[in-house]
Amino acid sequence: LLLRLYELDSGKIYIDDQDISSVTQES
């Protein structure tokens, strides 16, 4: 889930306050 290999059903994961669903998968 941290690597965003799957989508969350609900909730958020942040890296340095950046929602990982809002950044490019490659980066």
mmCIF file of all heavy atoms, coordinates in Angstrom:
data_MODEL
# 
_entry.id   MODEL 
# 
loop_
_atom_site.group_PDB 
_atom_site.id 
_atom_site.type_symbol 
_atom_site.label_atom_id 
_atom_site.label_alt_id 
_atom_site.label_comp_id 
_atom_site.label_asym_id 
_atom_site.label_entity_id 
_atom_site.label_seq_id 
_atom_site.pdbx_PDB_ins_code 
_atom_site.Cartn_x 
_atom_site.Cartn_y 
_atom_site.Cartn_z 
_atom_site.occupancy 
_atom_site.B_iso_or_equiv 
_atom_site.pdbx_formal_charge 
_atom_site.auth_seq_id 
_atom_site.auth_comp_id 
_atom_site.auth_asym_id 
_atom_site.auth_atom_id 
_atom_site.pdbx_PDB_model_num 
ATOM 1   N N   . LEU A 1 1  ? 0.833   -1.206 0.000   1.00 0.00 ? 1  LEU A N   1 
ATOM 2   C CA  . LEU A 1 1  ? 0.000   0.000  0.000   1.00 0.00 ? 1  LEU A CA  1 
ATOM 3   C C   . LEU A 1 1  ? 0.868   1.258  0.000   1.00 0.00 ? 1  LEU A C   1 
ATOM 4   O O   . LEU A 1 1  ? 0.533   2.251  -0.656  1.00 0.00 ? 1  LEU A O   1 
ATOM 5   C CB  . LEU A 1 1  ? -0.939  0.006  1.205   1.00 0.00 ? 1  LEU A CB  1 
ATOM 6   C CG  . LEU A 1 1  ? -2.016  -1.092 1.233   1.00 0.00 ? 1  LEU A CG  1 
ATOM 7   C CD1 . LEU A 1 1  ? -2.826  -1.010 2.520   1.00 0.00 ? 1  LEU A CD1 1 
ATOM 8   C CD2 . LEU A 1 1  ? -2.933  -0.991 0.014   1.00 0.00 ? 1  LEU A CD2 1 
ATOM 9   N N   . LEU A 1 2  ? 1.976   1.225  0.740   1.00 0.00 ? 2  LEU A N   1 
ATOM 10  C CA  . LEU A 1 2  ? 2.891   2.371  0.753   1.00 0.00 ? 2  LEU A CA  1 
ATOM 11  C C   . LEU A 1 2  ? 3.497   2.597  -0.638  1.00 0.00 ? 2  LEU A C   1 
ATOM 12  O O   . LEU A 1 2  ? 3.721   3.735  -1.054  1.00 0.00 ? 2  LEU A O   1 
ATOM 13  C CB  . LEU A 1 2  ? 4.003   2.154  1.788   1.00 0.00 ? 2  LEU A CB  1 
ATOM 14  C CG  . LEU A 1 2  ? 5.051   3.267  1.917   1.00 0.00 ? 2  LEU A CG  1 
ATOM 15  C CD1 . LEU A 1 2  ? 4.400   4.606  2.269   1.00 0.00 ? 2  LEU A CD1 1 
ATOM 16  C CD2 . LEU A 1 2  ? 6.087   2.899  2.971   1.00 0.00 ? 2  LEU A CD2 1 
ATOM 17  N N   . LEU A 1 3  ? 3.729   1.506  -1.365  1.00 0.00 ? 3  LEU A N   1 
ATOM 18  C CA  . LEU A 1 3  ? 4.265   1.603  -2.728  1.00 0.00 ? 3  LEU A CA  1 
ATOM 19  C C   . LEU A 1 3  ? 3.160   1.904  -3.754  1.00 0.00 ? 3  LEU A C   1 
ATOM 20  O O   . LEU A 1 3  ? 3.433   2.053  -4.939  1.00 0.00 ? 3  LEU A O   1 
ATOM 21  C CB  . LEU A 1 3  ? 4.954   0.287  -3.112  1.00 0.00 ? 3  LEU A CB  1 
ATOM 22  C CG  . LEU A 1 3  ? 6.267   -0.001 -2.384  1.00 0.00 ? 3  LEU A CG  1 
ATOM 23  C CD1 . LEU A 1 3  ? 6.623   -1.472 -2.488  1.00 0.00 ? 3  LEU A CD1 1 
ATOM 24  C CD2 . LEU A 1 3  ? 7.383   0.869  -2.953  1.00 0.00 ? 3  LEU A CD2 1 
ATOM 25  N N   . ARG A 1 4  ? 1.944   1.974  -3.284  1.00 0.00 ? 4  ARG A N   1 
ATOM 26  C CA  . ARG A 1 4  ? 0.746   2.206  -4.109  1.00 0.00 ? 4  ARG A CA  1 
ATOM 27  C C   . ARG A 1 4  ? 0.612   1.166  -5.217  1.00 0.00 ? 4  ARG A C   1 
ATOM 28  O O   . ARG A 1 4  ? 0.295   1.477  -6.361  1.00 0.00 ? 4  ARG A O   1 
ATOM 29  C CB  . ARG A 1 4  ? 0.737   3.616  -4.694  1.00 0.00 ? 4  ARG A CB  1 
ATOM 30  C CG  . ARG A 1 4  ? -0.698  4.104  -4.967  1.00 0.00 ? 4  ARG A CG  1 
ATOM 31  C CD  . ARG A 1 4  ? -0.763  5.429  -5.648  1.00 0.00 ? 4  ARG A CD  1 
ATOM 32  N NE  . ARG A 1 4  ? -2.113  5.678  -6.152  1.00 0.00 ? 4  ARG A NE  1 
ATOM 33  C CZ  . ARG A 1 4  ? -2.403  6.483  -7.176  1.00 0.00 ? 4  ARG A CZ  1 
ATOM 34  N NH1 . ARG A 1 4  ? -1.440  7.126  -7.802  1.00 0.00 ? 4  ARG A NH1 1 
ATOM 35  N NH2 . ARG A 1 4  ? -3.641  6.640  -7.568  1.00 0.00 ? 4  ARG A NH2 1 
ATOM 36  N N   . LEU A 1 5  ? 0.867   -0.087 -4.857  1.00 0.00 ? 5  LEU A N   1 
ATOM 37  C CA  . LEU A 1 5  ? 0.614   -1.187 -5.773  1.00 0.00 ? 5  LEU A CA  1 
ATOM 38  C C   . LEU A 1 5  ? -0.864  -1.555 -5.770  1.00 0.00 ? 5  LEU A C   1 
ATOM 39  O O   . LEU A 1 5  ? -1.341  -2.256 -6.660  1.00 0.00 ? 5  LEU A O   1 
ATOM 40  C CB  . LEU A 1 5  ? 1.467   -2.399 -5.400  1.00 0.00 ? 5  LEU A CB  1 
ATOM 41  C CG  . LEU A 1 5  ? 2.991   -2.181 -5.479  1.00 0.00 ? 5  LEU A CG  1 
ATOM 42  C CD1 . LEU A 1 5  ? 3.723   -3.435 -5.020  1.00 0.00 ? 5  LEU A CD1 1 
ATOM 43  C CD2 . LEU A 1 5  ? 3.408   -1.785 -6.886  1.00 0.00 ? 5  LEU A CD2 1 
ATOM 44  N N   . TYR A 1 6  ? -1.568  -1.116 -4.740  1.00 0.00 ? 6  TYR A N   1 
ATOM 45  C CA  . TYR A 1 6  ? -3.017  -1.281 -4.651  1.00 0.00 ? 6  TYR A CA  1 
ATOM 46  C C   . TYR A 1 6  ? -3.607  0.046  -4.180  1.00 0.00 ? 6  TYR A C   1 
ATOM 47  O O   . TYR A 1 6  ? -2.933  0.833  -3.502  1.00 0.00 ? 6  TYR A O   1 
ATOM 48  C CB  . TYR A 1 6  ? -3.396  -2.384 -3.656  1.00 0.00 ? 6  TYR A CB  1 
ATOM 49  C CG  . TYR A 1 6  ? -2.896  -3.760 -4.026  1.00 0.00 ? 6  TYR A CG  1 
ATOM 50  C CD1 . TYR A 1 6  ? -1.662  -4.224 -3.563  1.00 0.00 ? 6  TYR A CD1 1 
ATOM 51  C CD2 . TYR A 1 6  ? -3.651  -4.608 -4.839  1.00 0.00 ? 6  TYR A CD2 1 
ATOM 52  C CE1 . TYR A 1 6  ? -1.193  -5.486 -3.911  1.00 0.00 ? 6  TYR A CE1 1 
ATOM 53  C CE2 . TYR A 1 6  ? -3.193  -5.873 -5.186  1.00 0.00 ? 6  TYR A CE2 1 
ATOM 54  C CZ  . TYR A 1 6  ? -1.959  -6.303 -4.716  1.00 0.00 ? 6  TYR A CZ  1 
ATOM 55  O OH  . TYR A 1 6  ? -1.497  -7.542 -5.064  1.00 0.00 ? 6  TYR A OH  1 
ATOM 56  N N   . GLU A 1 7  ? -4.876  0.289  -4.521  1.00 0.00 ? 7  GLU A N   1 
ATOM 57  C CA  . GLU A 1 7  ? -5.559  1.492  -4.056  1.00 0.00 ? 7  GLU A CA  1 
ATOM 58  C C   . GLU A 1 7  ? -6.231  1.234  -2.715  1.00 0.00 ? 7  GLU A C   1 
ATOM 59  O O   . GLU A 1 7  ? -6.757  0.125  -2.486  1.00 0.00 ? 7  GLU A O   1 
ATOM 60  C CB  . GLU A 1 7  ? -6.633  1.929  -5.071  1.00 0.00 ? 7  GLU A CB  1 
ATOM 61  C CG  . GLU A 1 7  ? -6.059  2.463  -6.385  1.00 0.00 ? 7  GLU A CG  1 
ATOM 62  C CD  . GLU A 1 7  ? -5.518  3.879  -6.277  1.00 0.00 ? 7  GLU A CD  1 
ATOM 63  O OE1 . GLU A 1 7  ? -4.883  4.206  -5.246  1.00 0.00 ? 7  GLU A OE1 1 
ATOM 64  O OE2 . GLU A 1 7  ? -5.706  4.648  -7.232  1.00 0.00 ? 7  GLU A OE2 1 
ATOM 65  N N   . LEU A 1 8  ? -6.219  2.218  -1.873  1.00 0.00 ? 8  LEU A N   1 
ATOM 66  C CA  . LEU A 1 8  ? -6.889  2.103  -0.570  1.00 0.00 ? 8  LEU A CA  1 
ATOM 67  C C   . LEU A 1 8  ? -8.406  2.116  -0.759  1.00 0.00 ? 8  LEU A C   1 
ATOM 68  O O   . LEU A 1 8  ? -8.927  2.759  -1.671  1.00 0.00 ? 8  LEU A O   1 
ATOM 69  C CB  . LEU A 1 8  ? -6.491  3.281  0.326   1.00 0.00 ? 8  LEU A CB  1 
ATOM 70  C CG  . LEU A 1 8  ? -4.998  3.533  0.559   1.00 0.00 ? 8  LEU A CG  1 
ATOM 71  C CD1 . LEU A 1 8  ? -4.830  4.754  1.458   1.00 0.00 ? 8  LEU A CD1 1 
ATOM 72  C CD2 . LEU A 1 8  ? -4.333  2.323  1.162   1.00 0.00 ? 8  LEU A CD2 1 
ATOM 73  N N   . ASP A 1 9  ? -9.105  1.395  0.114   1.00 0.00 ? 9  ASP A N   1 
ATOM 74  C CA  . ASP A 1 9  ? -10.565 1.507  0.132   1.00 0.00 ? 9  ASP A CA  1 
ATOM 75  C C   . ASP A 1 9  ? -10.972 2.818  0.786   1.00 0.00 ? 9  ASP A C   1 
ATOM 76  O O   . ASP A 1 9  ? -11.945 3.461  0.377   1.00 0.00 ? 9  ASP A O   1 
ATOM 77  C CB  . ASP A 1 9  ? -11.178 0.319  0.883   1.00 0.00 ? 9  ASP A CB  1 
ATOM 78  C CG  . ASP A 1 9  ? -10.975 -0.992 0.134   1.00 0.00 ? 9  ASP A CG  1 
ATOM 79  O OD1 . ASP A 1 9  ? -10.899 -0.958 -1.113  1.00 0.00 ? 9  ASP A OD1 1 
ATOM 80  O OD2 . ASP A 1 9  ? -10.875 -2.043 0.780   1.00 0.00 ? 9  ASP A OD2 1 
ATOM 81  N N   . SER A 1 10 ? -10.234 3.195  1.807   1.00 0.00 ? 10 SER A N   1 
ATOM 82  C CA  . SER A 1 10 ? -10.445 4.509  2.441   1.00 0.00 ? 10 SER A CA  1 
ATOM 83  C C   . SER A 1 10 ? -9.194  4.863  3.243   1.00 0.00 ? 10 SER A C   1 
ATOM 84  O O   . SER A 1 10 ? -8.336  4.015  3.481   1.00 0.00 ? 10 SER A O   1 
ATOM 85  C CB  . SER A 1 10 ? -11.679 4.490  3.354   1.00 0.00 ? 10 SER A CB  1 
ATOM 86  O OG  . SER A 1 10 ? -11.484 3.587  4.434   1.00 0.00 ? 10 SER A OG  1 
ATOM 87  N N   . GLY A 1 11 ? -9.112  6.114  3.651   1.00 0.00 ? 11 GLY A N   1 
ATOM 88  C CA  . GLY A 1 11 ? -7.951  6.583  4.396   1.00 0.00 ? 11 GLY A CA  1 
ATOM 89  C C   . GLY A 1 11 ? -6.908  7.223  3.491   1.00 0.00 ? 11 GLY A C   1 
ATOM 90  O O   . GLY A 1 11 ? -7.109  7.346  2.266   1.00 0.00 ? 11 GLY A O   1 
ATOM 91  N N   . LYS A 1 12 ? -5.791  7.628  4.083   1.00 0.00 ? 12 LYS A N   1 
ATOM 92  C CA  . LYS A 1 12 ? -4.729  8.314  3.346   1.00 0.00 ? 12 LYS A CA  1 
ATOM 93  C C   . LYS A 1 12 ? -3.359  7.803  3.823   1.00 0.00 ? 12 LYS A C   1 
ATOM 94  O O   . LYS A 1 12 ? -3.209  7.374  4.969   1.00 0.00 ? 12 LYS A O   1 
ATOM 95  C CB  . LYS A 1 12 ? -4.786  9.826  3.577   1.00 0.00 ? 12 LYS A CB  1 
ATOM 96  C CG  . LYS A 1 12 ? -6.075  10.506 3.124   1.00 0.00 ? 12 LYS A CG  1 
ATOM 97  C CD  . LYS A 1 12 ? -6.121  10.665 1.613   1.00 0.00 ? 12 LYS A CD  1 
ATOM 98  C CE  . LYS A 1 12 ? -7.354  11.461 1.191   1.00 0.00 ? 12 LYS A CE  1 
ATOM 99  N NZ  . LYS A 1 12 ? -7.448  11.595 -0.288  1.00 0.00 ? 12 LYS A NZ  1 
ATOM 100 N N   . ILE A 1 13 ? -2.398  7.874  2.923   1.00 0.00 ? 13 ILE A N   1 
ATOM 101 C CA  . ILE A 1 13 ? -0.999  7.631  3.283   1.00 0.00 ? 13 ILE A CA  1 
ATOM 102 C C   . ILE A 1 13 ? -0.203  8.845  2.828   1.00 0.00 ? 13 ILE A C   1 
ATOM 103 O O   . ILE A 1 13 ? -0.330  9.280  1.671   1.00 0.00 ? 13 ILE A O   1 
ATOM 104 C CB  . ILE A 1 13 ? -0.450  6.351  2.619   1.00 0.00 ? 13 ILE A CB  1 
ATOM 105 C CG1 . ILE A 1 13 ? -1.259  5.125  3.056   1.00 0.00 ? 13 ILE A CG1 1 
ATOM 106 C CG2 . ILE A 1 13 ? 1.023   6.153  2.972   1.00 0.00 ? 13 ILE A CG2 1 
ATOM 107 C CD1 . ILE A 1 13 ? -0.847  3.836  2.371   1.00 0.00 ? 13 ILE A CD1 1 
ATOM 108 N N   . TYR A 1 14 ? 0.614   9.375  3.721   1.00 0.00 ? 14 TYR A N   1 
ATOM 109 C CA  . TYR A 1 14 ? 1.399   10.576 3.408   1.00 0.00 ? 14 TYR A CA  1 
ATOM 110 C C   . TYR A 1 14 ? 2.894   10.282 3.532   1.00 0.00 ? 14 TYR A C   1 
ATOM 111 O O   . TYR A 1 14 ? 3.327   9.520  4.400   1.00 0.00 ? 14 TYR A O   1 
ATOM 112 C CB  . TYR A 1 14 ? 1.052   11.712 4.373   1.00 0.00 ? 14 TYR A CB  1 
ATOM 113 C CG  . TYR A 1 14 ? -0.386  12.170 4.332   1.00 0.00 ? 14 TYR A CG  1 
ATOM 114 C CD1 . TYR A 1 14 ? -1.327  11.631 5.211   1.00 0.00 ? 14 TYR A CD1 1 
ATOM 115 C CD2 . TYR A 1 14 ? -0.802  13.147 3.430   1.00 0.00 ? 14 TYR A CD2 1 
ATOM 116 C CE1 . TYR A 1 14 ? -2.651  12.046 5.197   1.00 0.00 ? 14 TYR A CE1 1 
ATOM 117 C CE2 . TYR A 1 14 ? -2.130  13.569 3.407   1.00 0.00 ? 14 TYR A CE2 1 
ATOM 118 C CZ  . TYR A 1 14 ? -3.041  13.019 4.290   1.00 0.00 ? 14 TYR A CZ  1 
ATOM 119 O OH  . TYR A 1 14 ? -4.347  13.438 4.263   1.00 0.00 ? 14 TYR A OH  1 
ATOM 120 N N   . ILE A 1 15 ? 3.676   10.885 2.662   1.00 0.00 ? 15 ILE A N   1 
ATOM 121 C CA  . ILE A 1 15 ? 5.133   10.938 2.801   1.00 0.00 ? 15 ILE A CA  1 
ATOM 122 C C   . ILE A 1 15 ? 5.508   12.407 2.811   1.00 0.00 ? 15 ILE A C   1 
ATOM 123 O O   . ILE A 1 15 ? 5.236   13.135 1.835   1.00 0.00 ? 15 ILE A O   1 
ATOM 124 C CB  . ILE A 1 15 ? 5.843   10.200 1.649   1.00 0.00 ? 15 ILE A CB  1 
ATOM 125 C CG1 . ILE A 1 15 ? 5.552   8.700  1.721   1.00 0.00 ? 15 ILE A CG1 1 
ATOM 126 C CG2 . ILE A 1 15 ? 7.358   10.444 1.711   1.00 0.00 ? 15 ILE A CG2 1 
ATOM 127 C CD1 . ILE A 1 15 ? 6.180   7.894  0.601   1.00 0.00 ? 15 ILE A CD1 1 
ATOM 128 N N   . ASP A 1 16 ? 6.095   12.843 3.921   1.00 0.00 ? 16 ASP A N   1 
ATOM 129 C CA  . ASP A 1 16 ? 6.406   14.275 4.100   1.00 0.00 ? 16 ASP A CA  1 
ATOM 130 C C   . ASP A 1 16 ? 5.195   15.148 3.781   1.00 0.00 ? 16 ASP A C   1 
ATOM 131 O O   . ASP A 1 16 ? 5.267   16.130 3.031   1.00 0.00 ? 16 ASP A O   1 
ATOM 132 C CB  . ASP A 1 16 ? 7.591   14.687 3.217   1.00 0.00 ? 16 ASP A CB  1 
ATOM 133 C CG  . ASP A 1 16 ? 8.921   14.231 3.790   1.00 0.00 ? 16 ASP A CG  1 
ATOM 134 O OD1 . ASP A 1 16 ? 8.942   13.801 4.955   1.00 0.00 ? 16 ASP A OD1 1 
ATOM 135 O OD2 . ASP A 1 16 ? 9.935   14.290 3.070   1.00 0.00 ? 16 ASP A OD2 1 
ATOM 136 N N   . ASP A 1 17 ? 4.050   14.757 4.359   1.00 0.00 ? 17 ASP A N   1 
ATOM 137 C CA  . ASP A 1 17 ? 2.784   15.488 4.230   1.00 0.00 ? 17 ASP A CA  1 
ATOM 138 C C   . ASP A 1 17 ? 2.253   15.553 2.791   1.00 0.00 ? 17 ASP A C   1 
ATOM 139 O O   . ASP A 1 17 ? 1.386   16.380 2.482   1.00 0.00 ? 17 ASP A O   1 
ATOM 140 C CB  . ASP A 1 17 ? 2.917   16.912 4.793   1.00 0.00 ? 17 ASP A CB  1 
ATOM 141 C CG  . ASP A 1 17 ? 3.240   16.909 6.277   1.00 0.00 ? 17 ASP A CG  1 
ATOM 142 O OD1 . ASP A 1 17 ? 2.701   16.042 6.992   1.00 0.00 ? 17 ASP A OD1 1 
ATOM 143 O OD2 . ASP A 1 17 ? 4.062   17.743 6.714   1.00 0.00 ? 17 ASP A OD2 1 
ATOM 144 N N   . GLN A 1 18 ? 2.752   14.688 1.909   1.00 0.00 ? 18 GLN A N   1 
ATOM 145 C CA  . GLN A 1 18 ? 2.239   14.621 0.533   1.00 0.00 ? 18 GLN A CA  1 
ATOM 146 C C   . GLN A 1 18 ? 1.449   13.320 0.362   1.00 0.00 ? 18 GLN A C   1 
ATOM 147 O O   . GLN A 1 18 ? 1.987   12.235 0.594   1.00 0.00 ? 18 GLN A O   1 
ATOM 148 C CB  . GLN A 1 18 ? 3.391   14.657 -0.474  1.00 0.00 ? 18 GLN A CB  1 
ATOM 149 C CG  . GLN A 1 18 ? 4.215   15.937 -0.401  1.00 0.00 ? 18 GLN A CG  1 
ATOM 150 C CD  . GLN A 1 18 ? 5.575   15.757 -1.067  1.00 0.00 ? 18 GLN A CD  1 
ATOM 151 O OE1 . GLN A 1 18 ? 5.693   15.924 -2.285  1.00 0.00 ? 18 GLN A OE1 1 
ATOM 152 N NE2 . GLN A 1 18 ? 6.589   15.424 -0.297  1.00 0.00 ? 18 GLN A NE2 1 
ATOM 153 N N   . ASP A 1 19 ? 0.174   13.462 0.031   1.00 0.00 ? 19 ASP A N   1 
ATOM 154 C CA  . ASP A 1 19 ? -0.681  12.293 -0.192  1.00 0.00 ? 19 ASP A CA  1 
ATOM 155 C C   . ASP A 1 19 ? -0.111  11.489 -1.368  1.00 0.00 ? 19 ASP A C   1 
ATOM 156 O O   . ASP A 1 19 ? 0.038   12.022 -2.478  1.00 0.00 ? 19 ASP A O   1 
ATOM 157 C CB  . ASP A 1 19 ? -2.095  12.773 -0.506  1.00 0.00 ? 19 ASP A CB  1 
ATOM 158 C CG  . ASP A 1 19 ? -3.099  11.629 -0.665  1.00 0.00 ? 19 ASP A CG  1 
ATOM 159 O OD1 . ASP A 1 19 ? -2.657  10.455 -0.711  1.00 0.00 ? 19 ASP A OD1 1 
ATOM 160 O OD2 . ASP A 1 19 ? -4.299  11.907 -0.769  1.00 0.00 ? 19 ASP A OD2 1 
ATOM 161 N N   . ILE A 1 20 ? 0.209   10.224 -1.149  1.00 0.00 ? 20 ILE A N   1 
ATOM 162 C CA  . ILE A 1 20 ? 0.855   9.456  -2.214  1.00 0.00 ? 20 ILE A CA  1 
ATOM 163 C C   . ILE A 1 20 ? -0.064  9.229  -3.413  1.00 0.00 ? 20 ILE A C   1 
ATOM 164 O O   . ILE A 1 20 ? 0.403   8.932  -4.508  1.00 0.00 ? 20 ILE A O   1 
ATOM 165 C CB  . ILE A 1 20 ? 1.399   8.091  -1.710  1.00 0.00 ? 20 ILE A CB  1 
ATOM 166 C CG1 . ILE A 1 20 ? 0.258   7.170  -1.257  1.00 0.00 ? 20 ILE A CG1 1 
ATOM 167 C CG2 . ILE A 1 20 ? 2.421   8.293  -0.606  1.00 0.00 ? 20 ILE A CG2 1 
ATOM 168 C CD1 . ILE A 1 20 ? 0.704   5.740  -1.020  1.00 0.00 ? 20 ILE A CD1 1 
ATOM 169 N N   . SER A 1 21 ? -1.384  9.385  -3.215  1.00 0.00 ? 21 SER A N   1 
ATOM 170 C CA  . SER A 1 21 ? -2.308  9.240  -4.344  1.00 0.00 ? 21 SER A CA  1 
ATOM 171 C C   . SER A 1 21 ? -2.314  10.482 -5.229  1.00 0.00 ? 21 SER A C   1 
ATOM 172 O O   . SER A 1 21 ? -2.901  10.475 -6.313  1.00 0.00 ? 21 SER A O   1 
ATOM 173 C CB  . SER A 1 21 ? -3.731  8.957  -3.846  1.00 0.00 ? 21 SER A CB  1 
ATOM 174 O OG  . SER A 1 21 ? -4.241  10.070 -3.149  1.00 0.00 ? 21 SER A OG  1 
ATOM 175 N N   . SER A 1 22 ? -1.647  11.549 -4.766  1.00 0.00 ? 22 SER A N   1 
ATOM 176 C CA  . SER A 1 22 ? -1.611  12.807 -5.518  1.00 0.00 ? 22 SER A CA  1 
ATOM 177 C C   . SER A 1 22 ? -0.257  13.057 -6.176  1.00 0.00 ? 22 SER A C   1 
ATOM 178 O O   . SER A 1 22 ? -0.032  14.125 -6.731  1.00 0.00 ? 22 SER A O   1 
ATOM 179 C CB  . SER A 1 22 ? -1.951  13.991 -4.593  1.00 0.00 ? 22 SER A CB  1 
ATOM 180 O OG  . SER A 1 22 ? -3.259  13.846 -4.078  1.00 0.00 ? 22 SER A OG  1 
ATOM 181 N N   . VAL A 1 23 ? 0.642   12.075 -6.072  1.00 0.00 ? 23 VAL A N   1 
ATOM 182 C CA  . VAL A 1 23 ? 1.941   12.205 -6.741  1.00 0.00 ? 23 VAL A CA  1 
ATOM 183 C C   . VAL A 1 23 ? 2.051   11.114 -7.804  1.00 0.00 ? 23 VAL A C   1 
ATOM 184 O O   . VAL A 1 23 ? 1.293   10.144 -7.786  1.00 0.00 ? 23 VAL A O   1 
ATOM 185 C CB  . VAL A 1 23 ? 3.117   12.087 -5.739  1.00 0.00 ? 23 VAL A CB  1 
ATOM 186 C CG1 . VAL A 1 23 ? 3.013   13.171 -4.674  1.00 0.00 ? 23 VAL A CG1 1 
ATOM 187 C CG2 . VAL A 1 23 ? 3.169   10.703 -5.086  1.00 0.00 ? 23 VAL A CG2 1 
ATOM 188 N N   . THR A 1 24 ? 2.978   11.256 -8.721  1.00 0.00 ? 24 THR A N   1 
ATOM 189 C CA  . THR A 1 24 ? 3.126   10.249 -9.767  1.00 0.00 ? 24 THR A CA  1 
ATOM 190 C C   . THR A 1 24 ? 3.678   8.963  -9.168  1.00 0.00 ? 24 THR A C   1 
ATOM 191 O O   . THR A 1 24 ? 4.506   8.986  -8.251  1.00 0.00 ? 24 THR A O   1 
ATOM 192 C CB  . THR A 1 24 ? 4.068   10.726 -10.883 1.00 0.00 ? 24 THR A CB  1 
ATOM 193 O OG1 . THR A 1 24 ? 5.383   10.911 -10.365 1.00 0.00 ? 24 THR A OG1 1 
ATOM 194 C CG2 . THR A 1 24 ? 3.568   12.029 -11.499 1.00 0.00 ? 24 THR A CG2 1 
ATOM 195 N N   . GLN A 1 25 ? 3.207   7.844  -9.691  1.00 0.00 ? 25 GLN A N   1 
ATOM 196 C CA  . GLN A 1 25 ? 3.648   6.545  -9.178  1.00 0.00 ? 25 GLN A CA  1 
ATOM 197 C C   . GLN A 1 25 ? 5.150   6.354  -9.372  1.00 0.00 ? 25 GLN A C   1 
ATOM 198 O O   . GLN A 1 25 ? 5.834   5.792  -8.519  1.00 0.00 ? 25 GLN A O   1 
ATOM 199 C CB  . GLN A 1 25 ? 2.890   5.428  -9.898  1.00 0.00 ? 25 GLN A CB  1 
ATOM 200 C CG  . GLN A 1 25 ? 1.387   5.443  -9.622  1.00 0.00 ? 25 GLN A CG  1 
ATOM 201 C CD  . GLN A 1 25 ? 0.630   4.447  -10.465 1.00 0.00 ? 25 GLN A CD  1 
ATOM 202 O OE1 . GLN A 1 25 ? 0.852   3.248  -10.353 1.00 0.00 ? 25 GLN A OE1 1 
ATOM 203 N NE2 . GLN A 1 25 ? -0.252  4.930  -11.330 1.00 0.00 ? 25 GLN A NE2 1 
ATOM 204 N N   . GLU A 1 26 ? 5.652   6.821  -10.500 1.00 0.00 ? 26 GLU A N   1 
ATOM 205 C CA  . GLU A 1 26 ? 7.077   6.636  -10.788 1.00 0.00 ? 26 GLU A CA  1 
ATOM 206 C C   . GLU A 1 26 ? 7.938   7.400  -9.795  1.00 0.00 ? 26 GLU A C   1 
ATOM 207 O O   . GLU A 1 26 ? 8.942   6.880  -9.298  1.00 0.00 ? 26 GLU A O   1 
ATOM 208 C CB  . GLU A 1 26 ? 7.387   7.096  -12.219 1.00 0.00 ? 26 GLU A CB  1 
ATOM 209 C CG  . GLU A 1 26 ? 8.784   6.691  -12.669 1.00 0.00 ? 26 GLU A CG  1 
ATOM 210 C CD  . GLU A 1 26 ? 9.001   6.870  -14.157 1.00 0.00 ? 26 GLU A CD  1 
ATOM 211 O OE1 . GLU A 1 26 ? 8.010   6.997  -14.903 1.00 0.00 ? 26 GLU A OE1 1 
ATOM 212 O OE2 . GLU A 1 26 ? 10.169  6.872  -14.574 1.00 0.00 ? 26 GLU A OE2 1 
ATOM 213 N N   . SER A 1 27 ? 7.543   8.633  -9.469  1.00 0.00 ? 27 SER A N   1 
ATOM 214 C CA  . SER A 1 27 ? 8.344   9.427  -8.517  1.00 0.00 ? 27 SER A CA  1 
ATOM 215 C C   . SER A 1 27 ? 8.236   8.848  -7.112  1.00 0.00 ? 27 SER A C   1 
ATOM 216 O O   . SER A 1 27 ? 9.188   8.902  -6.333  1.00 0.00 ? 27 SER A O   1 
ATOM 217 C CB  . SER A 1 27 ? 7.890   10.892 -8.529  1.00 0.00 ? 27 SER A CB  1 
ATOM 218 O OG  . SER A 1 27 ? 6.588   11.039 -7.983  1.00 0.00 ? 27 SER A OG  1 
# 
